[in-house]
Amino acid sequence: MQISVSSTLTVYHDGQFWVGLAEHVEGGRYGAARIVFGAEPSDEGILRFVVGKWERLAFFGGEPAEASKPAKSPKRRAREAAKTLKQPAMGTRAQHALASQRETMKRESAHARSRRRAEEAEARFEQRKLKRKQRHRGH
């Protein structure tokens, strides 16, 4: 049995930091990892990273990635890499907790806002009803 393995590292500037996108195709499974370098890395720094830390990258996140078809063409690999970059980067447990708390607060405030608008509309309707009644009575 023969397993084909292919890995690429693309280093680019995302507007704020220098970021590396490591792509790895092994036995039909595609995985990607995002590495933030910060300042512009030198060629030696990139080489040290590849030699020292490449094997510790979690390409597949501990769970099997899409194992249906391997990335065949460079264009397809580029599309998959762009898709991976659009997904939010993995954060710490605290960041995930804060994000979920923000989402909960957003839902609660939207619910309160809609309830307040409904109550104001009801109050305006009651006011109009009262005025109509007073006009009808001739006051």
C-alpha atoms as a PDB file:
ATOM      1  CA  MET A   1       0.000   0.000   0.000  1.00  0.00           C
ATOM      2  CA  GLN A   2       1.318   3.413  -0.952  1.00  0.00           C
ATOM      3  CA  ILE A   3       0.269   6.632   0.783  1.00  0.00           C
ATOM      4  CA  SER A   4       0.947   9.921  -0.947  1.00  0.00           C
ATOM      5  CA  VAL A   5       1.894  12.856   1.267  1.00  0.00           C
ATOM      6  CA  SER A   6       2.073  16.465   0.161  1.00  0.00           C
ATOM      7  CA  SER A   7       2.707  19.552   2.285  1.00  0.00           C
ATOM      8  CA  THR A   8       2.948  23.240   1.443  1.00  0.00           C
ATOM      9  CA  LEU A   9       3.601  26.348   3.510  1.00  0.00           C
ATOM     10  CA  THR A  10       2.385  29.716   2.238  1.00  0.00           C
ATOM     11  CA  VAL A  11       3.542  32.823   4.111  1.00  0.00           C
ATOM     12  CA  TYR A  12       1.619  36.067   3.562  1.00  0.00           C
ATOM     13  CA  HIS A  13       0.827  39.357   5.274  1.00  0.00           C
ATOM     14  CA  ASP A  14      -2.826  39.627   6.332  1.00  0.00           C
ATOM     15  CA  GLY A  15      -2.718  43.378   6.932  1.00  0.00           C
ATOM     16  CA  GLN A  16      -1.629  43.127  10.544  1.00  0.00           C
ATOM     17  CA  PHE A  17       0.597  40.066  10.987  1.00  0.00           C
ATOM     18  CA  TRP A  18       2.674  37.688   8.917  1.00  0.00           C
ATOM     19  CA  VAL A  19       0.756  34.426   8.771  1.00  0.00           C
ATOM     20  CA  GLY A  20       1.685  30.987   7.504  1.00  0.00           C
ATOM     21  CA  LEU A  21      -0.870  28.627   5.991  1.00  0.00           C
ATOM     22  CA  ALA A  22       0.336  25.039   6.206  1.00  0.00           C
ATOM     23  CA  GLU A  23      -1.540  22.604   3.973  1.00  0.00           C
ATOM     24  CA  HIS A  24      -1.148  18.867   4.292  1.00  0.00           C
ATOM     25  CA  VAL A  25      -2.617  16.130   2.092  1.00  0.00           C
ATOM     26  CA  GLU A  26      -2.034  12.601   3.337  1.00  0.00           C
ATOM     27  CA  GLY A  27      -3.739   9.493   2.041  1.00  0.00           C
ATOM     28  CA  GLY A  28      -6.637  11.454   0.590  1.00  0.00           C
ATOM     29  CA  ARG A  29      -7.199  13.599   3.685  1.00  0.00           C
ATOM     30  CA  TYR A  30      -6.736  17.353   3.470  1.00  0.00           C
ATOM     31  CA  GLY A  31      -5.749  19.365   6.514  1.00  0.00           C
ATOM     32  CA  ALA A  32      -4.646  22.914   7.113  1.00  0.00           C
ATOM     33  CA  ALA A  33      -3.121  24.813  10.001  1.00  0.00           C
ATOM     34  CA  ARG A  34      -2.684  28.539  10.493  1.00  0.00           C
ATOM     35  CA  ILE A  35       0.507  29.865  12.081  1.00  0.00           C
ATOM     36  CA  VAL A  36       0.865  33.507  13.147  1.00  0.00           C
ATOM     37  CA  PHE A  37       4.475  34.662  12.900  1.00  0.00           C
ATOM     38  CA  GLY A  38       3.909  38.270  13.928  1.00  0.00           C
ATOM     39  CA  ALA A  39       6.864  40.122  12.447  1.00  0.00           C
ATOM     40  CA  GLU A  40       8.113  39.234   8.974  1.00  0.00           C
ATOM     41  CA  PRO A  41       9.941  35.919   9.331  1.00  0.00           C
ATOM     42  CA  SER A  42      13.322  35.462   7.710  1.00  0.00           C
ATOM     43  CA  ASP A  43      14.089  32.488   5.496  1.00  0.00           C
ATOM     44  CA  GLU A  44      16.123  31.012   8.349  1.00  0.00           C
ATOM     45  CA  GLY A  45      13.222  31.518  10.765  1.00  0.00           C
ATOM     46  CA  ILE A  46      10.835  29.728   8.421  1.00  0.00           C
ATOM     47  CA  LEU A  47      13.335  26.874   7.990  1.00  0.00           C
ATOM     48  CA  ARG A  48      13.743  26.581  11.777  1.00  0.00           C
ATOM     49  CA  PHE A  49       9.966  26.474  12.135  1.00  0.00           C
ATOM     50  CA  VAL A  50       9.578  23.752   9.496  1.00  0.00           C
ATOM     51  CA  VAL A  51      12.380  21.641  10.944  1.00  0.00           C
ATOM     52  CA  GLY A  52      11.441  22.108  14.599  1.00  0.00           C
ATOM     53  CA  LYS A  53       7.674  22.530  14.835  1.00  0.00           C
ATOM     54  CA  TRP A  54       6.114  21.125  11.650  1.00  0.00           C
ATOM     55  CA  GLU A  55       5.378  17.678  13.090  1.00  0.00           C
ATOM     56  CA  ARG A  56       3.492  19.220  16.041  1.00  0.00           C
ATOM     57  CA  LEU A  57       0.949  21.050  13.855  1.00  0.00           C
ATOM     58  CA  ALA A  58      -2.602  19.747  14.200  1.00  0.00           C
ATOM     59  CA  PHE A  59      -3.678  19.544  10.582  1.00  0.00           C
ATOM     60  CA  PHE A  60      -6.719  17.378  11.105  1.00  0.00           C
ATOM     61  CA  GLY A  61      -7.777  18.693  14.508  1.00  0.00           C
ATOM     62  CA  GLY A  62      -7.832  15.252  16.087  1.00  0.00           C
ATOM     63  CA  GLU A  63     -10.831  14.166  14.034  1.00  0.00           C
ATOM     64  CA  PRO A  64     -10.767  12.785  10.511  1.00  0.00           C
ATOM     65  CA  ALA A  65     -11.026  15.493   7.921  1.00  0.00           C
ATOM     66  CA  GLU A  66     -12.868  15.202   4.666  1.00  0.00           C
ATOM     67  CA  ALA A  67     -11.673  11.829   3.430  1.00  0.00           C
ATOM     68  CA  SER A  68     -13.778  11.525   0.303  1.00  0.00           C
ATOM     69  CA  LYS A  69     -11.422  12.778  -2.420  1.00  0.00           C
ATOM     70  CA  PRO A  70      -7.902  14.168  -2.246  1.00  0.00           C
ATOM     71  CA  ALA A  71      -7.213  17.670  -3.488  1.00  0.00           C
ATOM     72  CA  LYS A  72      -6.174  17.005  -7.064  1.00  0.00           C
ATOM     73  CA  SER A  73      -5.361  20.312  -8.681  1.00  0.00           C
ATOM     74  CA  PRO A  74      -3.479  23.320  -7.348  1.00  0.00           C
ATOM     75  CA  LYS A  75      -6.556  25.467  -7.991  1.00  0.00           C
ATOM     76  CA  ARG A  76      -8.701  23.180  -5.837  1.00  0.00           C
ATOM     77  CA  ARG A  77      -6.076  23.239  -3.078  1.00  0.00           C
ATOM     78  CA  ALA A  78      -6.014  27.044  -3.271  1.00  0.00           C
ATOM     79  CA  ARG A  79      -9.808  27.182  -3.008  1.00  0.00           C
ATOM     80  CA  GLU A  80      -9.773  24.861  -0.001  1.00  0.00           C
ATOM     81  CA  ALA A  81      -7.022  26.933   1.616  1.00  0.00           C
ATOM     82  CA  ALA A  82      -9.046  30.123   1.100  1.00  0.00           C
ATOM     83  CA  LYS A  83     -12.095  28.413   2.601  1.00  0.00           C
ATOM     84  CA  THR A  84     -10.032  27.347   5.594  1.00  0.00           C
ATOM     85  CA  LEU A  85      -8.755  30.902   6.060  1.00  0.00           C
ATOM     86  CA  LYS A  86     -12.293  32.304   6.063  1.00  0.00           C
ATOM     87  CA  GLN A  87     -13.213  30.108   9.006  1.00  0.00           C
ATOM     88  CA  PRO A  88     -12.520  31.726  12.367  1.00  0.00           C
ATOM     89  CA  ALA A  89      -9.209  30.785  13.894  1.00  0.00           C
ATOM     90  CA  MET A  90      -9.258  28.467  16.874  1.00  0.00           C
ATOM     91  CA  GLY A  91      -9.228  30.406  20.111  1.00  0.00           C
ATOM     92  CA  THR A  92      -8.818  29.655  23.744  1.00  0.00           C
ATOM     93  CA  ARG A  93     -11.623  28.292  25.876  1.00  0.00           C
ATOM     94  CA  ALA A  94     -12.016  31.762  27.400  1.00  0.00           C
ATOM     95  CA  GLN A  95     -12.402  33.346  23.949  1.00  0.00           C
ATOM     96  CA  HIS A  96     -15.082  30.801  23.026  1.00  0.00           C
ATOM     97  CA  ALA A  97     -16.891  31.469  26.317  1.00  0.00           C
ATOM     98  CA  LEU A  98     -16.789  35.235  25.728  1.00  0.00           C
ATOM     99  CA  ALA A  99     -18.060  34.795  22.172  1.00  0.00           C
ATOM    100  CA  SER A 100     -20.974  32.652  23.344  1.00  0.00           C
ATOM    101  CA  GLN A 101     -21.742  35.175  26.086  1.00  0.00           C
ATOM    102  CA  ARG A 102     -21.782  37.990  23.486  1.00  0.00           C
ATOM    103  CA  GLU A 103     -24.155  35.968  21.288  1.00  0.00           C
ATOM    104  CA  THR A 104     -26.471  35.339  24.249  1.00  0.00           C
ATOM    105  CA  MET A 105     -26.480  39.031  25.187  1.00  0.00           C
ATOM    106  CA  LYS A 106     -27.177  39.954  21.567  1.00  0.00           C
ATOM    107  CA  ARG A 107     -30.171  37.598  21.414  1.00  0.00           C
ATOM    108  CA  GLU A 108     -31.507  38.854  24.760  1.00  0.00           C
ATOM    109  CA  SER A 109     -31.195  42.526  23.796  1.00  0.00           C
ATOM    110  CA  ALA A 110     -32.883  41.886  20.435  1.00  0.00           C
ATOM    111  CA  HIS A 111     -35.743  40.118  22.231  1.00  0.00           C
ATOM    112  CA  ALA A 112     -36.074  42.962  24.768  1.00  0.00           C
ATOM    113  CA  ARG A 113     -35.969  45.542  21.973  1.00  0.00           C
ATOM    114  CA  SER A 114     -38.751  43.825  20.026  1.00  0.00           C
ATOM    115  CA  ARG A 115     -40.834  43.447  23.193  1.00  0.00           C
ATOM    116  CA  ARG A 116     -40.353  47.161  24.012  1.00  0.00           C
ATOM    117  CA  ARG A 117     -41.381  48.163  20.469  1.00  0.00           C
ATOM    118  CA  ALA A 118     -44.504  45.991  20.711  1.00  0.00           C
ATOM    119  CA  GLU A 119     -45.419  47.572  24.054  1.00  0.00           C
ATOM    120  CA  GLU A 120     -44.918  51.091  22.636  1.00  0.00           C
ATOM    121  CA  ALA A 121     -47.089  50.232  19.631  1.00  0.00           C
ATOM    122  CA  GLU A 122     -49.773  48.870  21.952  1.00  0.00           C
ATOM    123  CA  ALA A 123     -49.621  52.065  24.070  1.00  0.00           C
ATOM    124  CA  ARG A 124     -49.972  54.237  20.937  1.00  0.00           C
ATOM    125  CA  PHE A 125     -52.950  52.165  19.825  1.00  0.00           C
ATOM    126  CA  GLU A 126     -54.609  52.515  23.242  1.00  0.00           C
ATOM    127  CA  GLN A 127     -54.025  56.289  23.133  1.00  0.00           C
ATOM    128  CA  ARG A 128     -55.629  56.525  19.675  1.00  0.00           C
ATOM    129  CA  LYS A 129     -58.561  54.412  20.888  1.00  0.00           C
ATOM    130  CA  LEU A 130     -59.054  56.725  23.881  1.00  0.00           C
ATOM    131  CA  LYS A 131     -58.969  59.848  21.676  1.00  0.00           C
ATOM    132  CA  ARG A 132     -61.494  58.302  19.294  1.00  0.00           C
ATOM    133  CA  LYS A 133     -63.795  57.499  22.191  1.00  0.00           C
ATOM    134  CA  GLN A 134     -63.528  61.064  23.545  1.00  0.00           C
ATOM    135  CA  ARG A 135     -64.267  62.555  20.117  1.00  0.00           C
ATOM    136  CA  HIS A 136     -67.207  60.261  19.710  1.00  0.00           C
ATOM    137  CA  ARG A 137     -68.637  61.471  23.033  1.00  0.00           C
ATOM    138  CA  GLY A 138     -68.241  65.061  21.901  1.00  0.00           C
ATOM    139  CA  HIS A 139     -65.536  66.173  24.304  1.00  0.00           C
END
